[in-house]
C-alpha cells in the first residue's frame, strides 16, 4: 500500500505506535536526518562561490586596473577639459540664449524655486515629467536640456519615426504603441518652465540649487539628474563629419535623407540601436546597407543564440549585408566617400557611416556634486 493510501486509511498502520502522527511522516523524518545539511550546503555553495569570484574580480580591478575603467577615465578627463573650455568661451561671449528661450517659449519670466527640477532631455526626463504631471499636476517644474528640443522619447528615433504613416520628425509627433500622439506641446502649461540649450554647470545638493552656465541659479525640492551619455566615436570621424555620424538625438534624424539616396551605408554596432537602424535603412530600398559588429551574431549580448540567428535571417532577407567578428579601427576620407578599416586588414568603401557602439556616461555634473559614481558603468549611486 502506498504512503498516500496509508495516510487516508483509518487503520492502525497509518499511525506510529503513539498515534500522534501519520506513519509515513514519521518515516520521512527519519529518512531525512542528516540530509538537510547536505541540501543547504548544495544551495549555499554556489552563492558563496559567486560572491568570492566577484570580490576577487573587484580586488584585481583595484590592484591592476581594468581596460574599460581606463578607457572611460581617459574619455572623462578629455571630455571635462573640452566642456570647461566651452563654458569659458560662452562666458566671454556673454551667451544669454538660455534665459531668452524661456521668455520666448512661454511669454513669462521663470521662477527662482521649483518643486521639481529635471536636468536632461532624454527618455528618463520625459518619463519623469509625465509621472509628475499625473501625480502632482500643479507642481512647479523646471526642465533644463542641452538640446534645442523639449524632452522626448529616444526609442522612436529608430522605430516609429521611420514609418512615414506613423511619425513626423519635423515637429516630433508620432503614434506610440497605445495609438496616442506624442508631441512637444505637452510641456507648455502654466506650471512648467522649459530651458532649451541650457547647461547646468553646478549642482549644490546641500543647499538644493543648480547653476546654469550664465550664472543664473534655481532652487529645487527634488532634482532628477538625467544627463544620459555621449556616443562612442570612431577614430578619424572628426575629419569627415559630413560622412560619419552617431545616432543619439533628434538632430541625428537627418539620416532620413541619407536613406533616400543610393550608395552604401555602413552601420557599426551589433546591439539594439545598430540592428534597428540597419533594418530601417534597408526597408527604405535606398542605399546598400552593411552592418559591422564585433560579436559573432547580431544582438549576441542581448538575446539567446536562437533569437540572434532568427534576427540575422530577418536582416539578410531585408538586404542587410552582415559582417560579424570585426572591429573597426578607424575611418578616413576616400574620394567623395569614406574608407573603413578593420582589425583584420579588410577595408570597406562607403558613402556614409553610422556609429552605434555604445555610450560614455555623462558624469561630470555628478562628480562635481560629490555623488558616488560607479567606476565601471558610470552610474550614479543613490543620494
Protein backbone atom coordinates (compact mmCIF):
# COMPACT_ATOMS: atom_id res chain seq x y z
CA UNK A 1 0.00 0.00 0.00
CA UNK A 2 1.35 3.44 -0.94
CA UNK A 3 2.11 6.08 1.64
CA UNK A 4 -0.71 8.19 0.22
CA UNK A 5 -3.23 5.43 0.74
CA UNK A 6 -1.83 4.71 4.18
CA UNK A 7 -2.38 8.30 5.19
CA UNK A 8 -6.03 8.29 4.15
CA UNK A 9 -6.78 4.85 5.60
CA UNK A 10 -8.03 4.79 9.16
CA UNK A 11 -6.29 1.59 10.16
CA UNK A 12 -3.64 1.40 12.85
CA UNK A 13 -0.88 1.10 10.21
CA UNK A 14 -1.35 4.75 9.26
CA UNK A 15 -0.04 5.98 12.61
CA UNK A 16 3.00 5.48 14.75
CA UNK A 17 2.73 3.43 17.95
CA UNK A 18 1.64 6.50 19.93
CA UNK A 19 -0.94 7.59 17.39
CA UNK A 20 0.48 11.11 17.31
CA UNK A 21 1.34 11.41 13.59
CA UNK A 22 0.94 9.52 10.34
CA UNK A 23 3.43 6.70 9.98
CA UNK A 24 4.74 7.91 6.61
CA UNK A 25 5.61 11.32 8.11
CA UNK A 26 7.49 9.60 10.86
CA UNK A 27 9.40 7.53 8.28
CA UNK A 28 10.20 10.56 6.11
CA UNK A 29 11.50 12.43 9.12
CA UNK A 30 13.79 9.55 9.95
CA UNK A 31 15.00 9.16 6.37
CA UNK A 32 15.78 12.90 6.07
CA UNK A 33 18.01 13.04 9.12
CA UNK A 34 21.49 14.14 8.20
CA UNK A 35 20.49 15.06 4.61
CA UNK A 36 19.07 18.52 5.20
CA UNK A 37 22.54 19.80 5.95
CA UNK A 38 23.81 18.48 2.62
CA UNK A 39 20.94 20.21 0.82
CA UNK A 40 21.76 23.53 2.49
CA UNK A 41 25.41 23.16 1.51
CA UNK A 42 24.44 22.48 -2.11
CA UNK A 43 22.31 25.62 -2.21
CA UNK A 44 24.68 27.96 -0.39
CA UNK A 45 27.96 26.90 -2.01
CA UNK A 46 27.23 28.38 -5.49
CA UNK A 47 26.14 31.68 -3.93
CA UNK A 48 29.24 31.87 -1.74
CA UNK A 49 31.46 30.95 -4.69
CA UNK A 50 29.87 33.64 -6.87
CA UNK A 51 30.42 36.28 -4.19
CA UNK A 52 34.02 35.14 -3.81
CA UNK A 53 34.68 35.42 -7.55
CA UNK A 54 33.09 38.89 -7.69
CA UNK A 55 35.25 40.03 -4.78
CA UNK A 56 38.35 38.64 -6.47
CA UNK A 57 37.46 40.45 -9.70
CA UNK A 58 36.88 43.77 -7.91
CA UNK A 59 40.14 43.36 -5.99
CA UNK A 60 42.01 42.65 -9.23
CA UNK A 61 40.44 45.72 -10.85
CA UNK A 62 41.56 47.88 -7.95
CA UNK A 63 45.12 46.49 -7.95
CA UNK A 64 45.81 46.14 -11.65
CA UNK A 65 43.17 48.28 -13.33
CA UNK A 66 40.57 47.39 -15.93
CA UNK A 67 40.70 48.33 -19.59
CA UNK A 68 37.07 49.52 -19.52
CA UNK A 69 37.73 51.67 -16.47
CA UNK A 70 40.89 53.11 -18.01
CA UNK A 71 39.11 53.83 -21.27
CA UNK A 72 36.26 55.60 -19.51
CA UNK A 73 38.64 57.55 -17.27
CA UNK A 74 40.64 58.81 -20.26
CA UNK A 75 37.47 59.84 -22.05
CA UNK A 76 36.06 61.50 -18.91
CA UNK A 77 39.15 63.67 -18.39
CA UNK A 78 39.24 64.69 -22.05
CA UNK A 79 35.52 65.49 -22.04
CA UNK A 80 35.75 67.55 -18.85
CA UNK A 81 38.52 69.68 -20.35
CA UNK A 82 36.52 70.20 -23.52
CA UNK A 83 33.40 71.22 -21.61
CA UNK A 84 35.35 73.57 -19.37
CA UNK A 85 36.80 75.32 -22.43
CA UNK A 86 33.34 75.57 -23.96
CA UNK A 87 31.89 77.14 -20.81
CA UNK A 88 34.71 79.65 -20.66
CA UNK A 89 34.04 80.65 -24.27
CA UNK A 90 30.34 81.07 -23.50
CA UNK A 91 31.12 83.33 -20.54
CA UNK A 92 33.37 85.51 -22.71
CA UNK A 93 30.73 85.82 -25.40
CA UNK A 94 28.05 86.62 -22.84
CA UNK A 95 25.66 83.98 -24.15
CA UNK A 96 22.22 84.65 -22.66
CA UNK A 97 20.41 82.38 -25.10
CA UNK A 98 19.12 80.17 -22.27
CA UNK A 99 17.27 82.93 -20.43
CA UNK A 100 15.77 84.35 -23.60
CA UNK A 101 14.47 80.94 -24.63
CA UNK A 102 12.18 80.77 -21.60
CA UNK A 103 10.51 84.10 -22.29
CA UNK A 104 10.22 83.28 -25.98
CA UNK A 105 8.64 79.88 -25.40
CA UNK A 106 6.28 80.74 -22.59
CA UNK A 107 5.96 84.57 -22.57
CA UNK A 108 6.66 84.78 -18.85
CA UNK A 109 9.63 85.07 -16.52
CA UNK A 110 10.93 81.91 -14.88
CA UNK A 111 10.51 81.31 -11.16
CA UNK A 112 13.51 81.05 -8.85
CA UNK A 113 12.39 77.97 -6.92
CA UNK A 114 10.74 74.81 -8.16
CA UNK A 115 9.36 71.70 -6.58
CA UNK A 116 10.95 69.57 -9.29
CA UNK A 117 14.00 70.24 -11.47
CA UNK A 118 14.73 67.82 -14.29
CA UNK A 119 18.23 68.02 -15.78
CA UNK A 120 18.34 66.31 -19.16
CA UNK A 121 16.17 65.94 -22.22
CA UNK A 122 16.07 62.21 -22.89
CA UNK A 123 13.71 59.37 -22.14
CA UNK A 124 14.26 59.45 -18.36
CA UNK A 125 13.37 63.13 -18.10
CA UNK A 126 10.42 62.65 -20.45
CA UNK A 127 9.02 59.79 -18.37
CA UNK A 128 9.62 61.60 -15.08
CA UNK A 129 7.75 64.66 -16.32
CA UNK A 130 4.77 62.56 -17.38
CA UNK A 131 4.69 60.88 -13.96
CA UNK A 132 4.91 64.22 -12.13
CA UNK A 133 2.06 65.70 -14.12
CA UNK A 134 -0.06 62.64 -13.37
CA UNK A 135 0.60 62.55 -9.62
CA UNK A 136 1.28 66.22 -8.85
CA UNK A 137 -0.39 68.22 -11.65
CA UNK A 138 0.06 71.69 -10.14
CA UNK A 139 3.69 71.33 -9.07
CA UNK A 140 6.17 73.86 -10.45
CA UNK A 141 8.60 72.04 -12.74
CA UNK A 142 11.78 73.27 -14.40
CA UNK A 143 13.29 71.26 -17.25
CA UNK A 144 16.83 72.05 -18.39
CA UNK A 145 18.06 70.37 -21.56
CA UNK A 146 21.13 71.00 -23.69
CA UNK A 147 19.18 70.18 -26.84
CA UNK A 148 17.00 72.66 -28.75
CA UNK A 149 14.01 70.39 -28.11
CA UNK A 150 11.79 69.56 -25.18
CA UNK A 151 12.42 66.16 -23.56
CA UNK A 152 11.35 63.36 -25.85
CA UNK A 153 11.48 59.61 -26.15
CA UNK A 154 14.59 58.43 -27.98
CA UNK A 155 13.42 54.90 -28.95
CA UNK A 156 11.05 56.22 -31.68
CA UNK A 157 14.10 57.68 -33.46
CA UNK A 158 14.94 54.16 -34.61
CA UNK A 159 11.36 52.86 -34.74
CA UNK A 160 8.12 54.86 -35.22
CA UNK A 161 9.66 57.94 -36.85
CA UNK A 162 11.00 55.81 -39.69
CA UNK A 163 7.45 54.96 -40.70
CA UNK A 164 6.08 57.85 -42.69
CA UNK A 165 2.50 56.93 -41.91
CA UNK A 166 3.11 56.97 -38.16
CA UNK A 167 5.56 59.79 -37.49
CA UNK A 168 6.76 63.26 -38.42
CA UNK A 169 10.30 64.16 -37.38
CA UNK A 170 9.85 67.85 -38.22
CA UNK A 171 7.51 68.51 -35.29
CA UNK A 172 8.37 65.36 -33.30
CA UNK A 173 4.95 63.76 -33.48
CA UNK A 174 4.31 60.07 -33.73
CA UNK A 175 1.88 57.42 -32.62
CA UNK A 176 3.14 55.34 -29.72
CA UNK A 177 2.33 51.69 -29.04
CA UNK A 178 -1.02 52.66 -27.50
CA UNK A 179 -2.04 54.68 -30.56
CA UNK A 180 -1.71 58.07 -28.84
CA UNK A 181 0.11 61.04 -30.36
CA UNK A 182 3.19 62.45 -28.63
CA UNK A 183 4.47 66.00 -29.14
CA UNK A 184 6.33 68.85 -27.51
CA UNK A 185 3.13 70.81 -26.83
CA UNK A 186 2.50 68.80 -23.67
CA UNK A 187 5.21 70.80 -21.88
CA UNK A 188 3.67 74.21 -22.49
CA UNK A 189 1.49 74.89 -19.45
CA UNK A 190 1.36 77.30 -16.52
CA UNK A 191 3.30 75.02 -14.19
CA UNK A 192 6.27 74.12 -16.39
CA UNK A 193 9.33 76.14 -17.42
CA UNK A 194 11.47 74.71 -20.19
CA UNK A 195 15.07 75.81 -20.81
CA UNK A 196 16.38 74.64 -24.18
CA UNK A 197 20.07 74.79 -24.97
CA UNK A 198 20.85 75.16 -21.28
CA UNK A 199 23.89 73.77 -19.50
CA UNK A 200 23.91 73.12 -15.75
CA UNK A 201 27.44 73.73 -14.52
CA UNK A 202 26.95 73.16 -10.80
CA UNK A 203 24.64 71.08 -8.62
CA UNK A 204 24.62 72.04 -4.95
CA UNK A 205 22.99 69.07 -3.21
CA UNK A 206 23.42 70.65 0.23
CA UNK A 207 21.57 73.88 -0.49
CA UNK A 208 19.47 72.27 -3.23
CA UNK A 209 20.31 74.70 -6.03
CA UNK A 210 21.52 74.40 -9.62
CA UNK A 211 23.64 76.91 -11.53
CA UNK A 212 23.49 77.48 -15.28
CA UNK A 213 26.47 78.35 -17.46
CA UNK A 214 25.43 82.04 -17.46
CA UNK A 215 25.36 82.26 -13.66
CA UNK A 216 21.59 82.08 -13.07
CA UNK A 217 20.62 79.80 -10.15
CA UNK A 218 17.41 77.95 -9.33
CA UNK A 219 16.31 76.20 -6.17
CA UNK A 220 14.57 72.86 -6.01
CA UNK A 221 12.90 70.45 -3.61
CA UNK A 222 13.67 67.41 -5.72
CA UNK A 223 16.09 67.10 -8.61
CA UNK A 224 16.42 64.42 -11.28
CA UNK A 225 19.89 64.14 -12.79
CA UNK A 226 19.24 62.50 -16.17
CA UNK A 227 22.19 63.68 -18.26
CA UNK A 228 22.46 60.45 -20.24
CA UNK A 229 25.61 59.65 -22.16
CA UNK A 230 27.78 60.64 -25.09
CA UNK A 231 28.10 58.22 -28.04
CA UNK A 232 31.41 56.47 -28.63
CA UNK A 233 33.17 57.80 -31.71
CA UNK A 234 35.35 56.07 -34.29
CA UNK A 235 38.93 57.28 -34.74
CA UNK A 236 39.06 59.71 -37.67
CA UNK A 237 35.42 60.81 -37.52
CA UNK A 238 36.35 64.43 -36.83
CA UNK A 239 37.98 64.74 -40.25
CA UNK A 240 34.82 63.84 -42.19
CA UNK A 241 31.78 64.92 -40.12
CA UNK A 242 29.65 65.15 -43.26
CA UNK A 243 30.08 61.42 -43.88
CA UNK A 244 30.23 59.98 -40.34
CA UNK A 245 27.71 60.46 -37.53
CA UNK A 246 26.32 58.92 -34.42
CA UNK A 247 22.61 58.39 -33.83
CA UNK A 248 21.61 59.78 -30.47
CA UNK A 249 19.40 62.87 -30.77
CA UNK A 250 16.56 64.18 -32.90
CA UNK A 251 19.07 66.22 -34.89
CA UNK A 252 20.69 62.95 -35.97
CA UNK A 253 17.46 62.01 -37.71
CA UNK A 254 18.92 63.68 -40.81
CA UNK A 255 19.70 60.08 -41.70
CA UNK A 256 16.18 60.06 -43.06
CA UNK A 257 17.65 61.95 -46.01
CA UNK A 258 20.57 59.53 -46.27
CA UNK A 259 18.12 56.63 -46.56
CA UNK A 260 16.55 58.14 -49.66
CA UNK A 261 19.83 58.19 -51.60
CA UNK A 262 21.69 55.46 -53.40
CA UNK A 263 25.13 54.27 -52.39
CA UNK A 264 26.49 52.30 -49.43
CA UNK A 265 25.75 53.00 -45.76
CA UNK A 266 27.75 51.17 -43.10
CA UNK A 267 26.26 50.75 -39.63
CA UNK A 268 28.88 49.98 -36.97
CA UNK A 269 27.46 48.14 -33.97
CA UNK A 270 25.53 44.95 -33.35
CA UNK A 271 23.32 45.89 -30.42
CA UNK A 272 19.71 47.08 -30.49
CA UNK A 273 20.31 50.55 -31.98
CA UNK A 274 22.66 49.39 -34.71
CA UNK A 275 20.41 46.49 -35.65
CA UNK A 276 17.27 48.62 -35.74
CA UNK A 277 18.96 51.26 -37.89
CA UNK A 278 20.34 48.70 -40.32
CA UNK A 279 16.89 47.17 -40.77
CA UNK A 280 15.14 50.57 -41.04
CA UNK A 281 17.59 51.76 -43.70
CA UNK A 282 17.23 48.55 -45.68
CA UNK A 283 13.44 48.85 -45.59
CA UNK A 284 13.66 52.15 -47.46
CA UNK A 285 15.04 50.35 -50.52
CA UNK A 286 17.56 53.15 -50.94
CA UNK A 287 21.23 52.54 -50.14
CA UNK A 288 23.05 49.26 -49.78
CA UNK A 289 23.34 48.58 -46.04
CA UNK A 290 26.31 46.87 -44.40
CA UNK A 291 26.33 46.15 -40.65
CA UNK A 292 29.71 45.58 -39.00
CA UNK A 293 29.90 44.32 -35.41
CA UNK A 294 32.33 42.71 -33.01
CA UNK A 295 30.13 39.86 -31.84
CA UNK A 296 29.57 36.53 -33.67
CA UNK A 297 25.85 37.31 -34.08
CA UNK A 298 23.66 40.40 -34.05
CA UNK A 299 22.32 41.14 -30.56
CA UNK A 300 24.58 38.39 -29.20
CA UNK A 301 24.99 40.30 -25.95
CA UNK A 302 21.29 40.87 -25.53
CA UNK A 303 19.45 37.77 -26.73
CA UNK A 304 19.77 33.96 -26.68
CA UNK A 305 21.57 32.44 -29.64
CA UNK A 306 18.44 31.07 -31.32
CA UNK A 307 16.84 34.54 -31.32
CA UNK A 308 20.02 36.13 -32.66
CA UNK A 309 20.03 33.64 -35.54
CA UNK A 310 16.39 34.41 -36.26
CA UNK A 311 17.07 38.16 -36.39
CA UNK A 312 20.09 37.54 -38.60
CA UNK A 313 17.83 35.82 -41.14
CA UNK A 314 15.36 38.72 -40.98
CA UNK A 315 18.12 41.25 -41.64
CA UNK A 316 19.55 39.24 -44.51
CA UNK A 317 16.12 38.84 -46.08
CA UNK A 318 15.77 42.65 -45.92
CA UNK A 319 19.04 43.02 -47.83
CA UNK A 320 21.46 43.87 -44.99
CA UNK A 321 24.98 42.54 -45.50
CA UNK A 322 26.31 41.33 -42.14
CA UNK A 323 29.99 41.34 -41.18
CA UNK A 324 30.45 39.75 -37.72
CA UNK A 325 33.61 39.30 -35.64
CA UNK A 326 35.15 42.54 -36.92
CA UNK A 327 36.45 45.54 -35.00
CA UNK A 328 36.54 48.90 -36.81
CA UNK A 329 39.83 50.63 -36.06
CA UNK A 330 39.42 53.88 -37.99
CA UNK A 331 37.67 55.75 -40.78
CA UNK A 332 39.26 58.01 -43.36
CA UNK A 333 38.16 60.05 -46.35
CA UNK A 334 38.48 58.40 -49.75
CA UNK A 335 37.37 60.34 -52.80
CA UNK A 336 33.80 61.51 -52.25
CA UNK A 337 33.17 58.88 -49.58
CA UNK A 338 34.67 57.04 -46.63
CA UNK A 339 37.01 54.10 -46.21
CA UNK A 340 36.55 51.94 -43.12
CA UNK A 341 39.48 49.93 -41.78
CA UNK A 342 39.05 46.74 -39.73
CA UNK A 343 41.41 44.97 -37.37
CA UNK A 344 41.92 42.09 -39.83
CA UNK A 345 43.20 44.45 -42.53
CA UNK A 346 39.97 44.44 -44.51
CA UNK A 347 38.54 47.74 -45.76
CA UNK A 348 35.06 48.84 -46.83
CA UNK A 349 34.29 51.81 -49.06
CA UNK A 350 31.08 53.62 -48.16
CA UNK A 351 29.19 56.83 -48.78
CA UNK A 352 28.06 57.23 -45.17
CA UNK A 353 28.92 55.69 -41.80
CA UNK A 354 26.74 55.48 -38.68
CA UNK A 355 28.34 54.52 -35.37
CA UNK A 356 26.14 52.81 -32.77
CA UNK A 357 28.78 51.33 -30.48
CA UNK A 358 27.53 52.39 -27.06
CA UNK A 359 27.83 55.38 -24.76
CA UNK A 360 30.10 57.02 -22.26
CA UNK A 361 28.00 58.19 -19.27
CA UNK A 362 27.92 61.96 -18.69
CA UNK A 363 29.04 62.03 -15.08
CA UNK A 364 30.80 65.41 -14.91
CA UNK A 365 27.98 67.19 -13.05
CA UNK A 366 27.51 64.30 -10.62
CA UNK A 367 31.24 64.20 -9.91
CA UNK A 368 31.34 67.91 -9.12
CA UNK A 369 28.36 67.45 -6.80
CA UNK A 370 30.19 64.73 -4.88
CA UNK A 371 27.80 61.93 -5.82
CA UNK A 372 29.02 58.35 -5.84
CA UNK A 373 29.96 57.18 -9.35
CA UNK A 374 30.22 53.54 -10.37
CA UNK A 375 33.84 53.05 -11.59
CA UNK A 376 32.88 50.64 -14.39
CA UNK A 377 29.46 51.64 -15.71
CA UNK A 378 29.49 55.28 -14.61
CA UNK A 379 26.08 55.03 -12.97
CA UNK A 380 25.20 57.42 -10.17
CA UNK A 381 24.62 55.99 -6.71
CA UNK A 382 21.51 56.89 -4.72
CA UNK A 383 21.99 60.05 -2.65
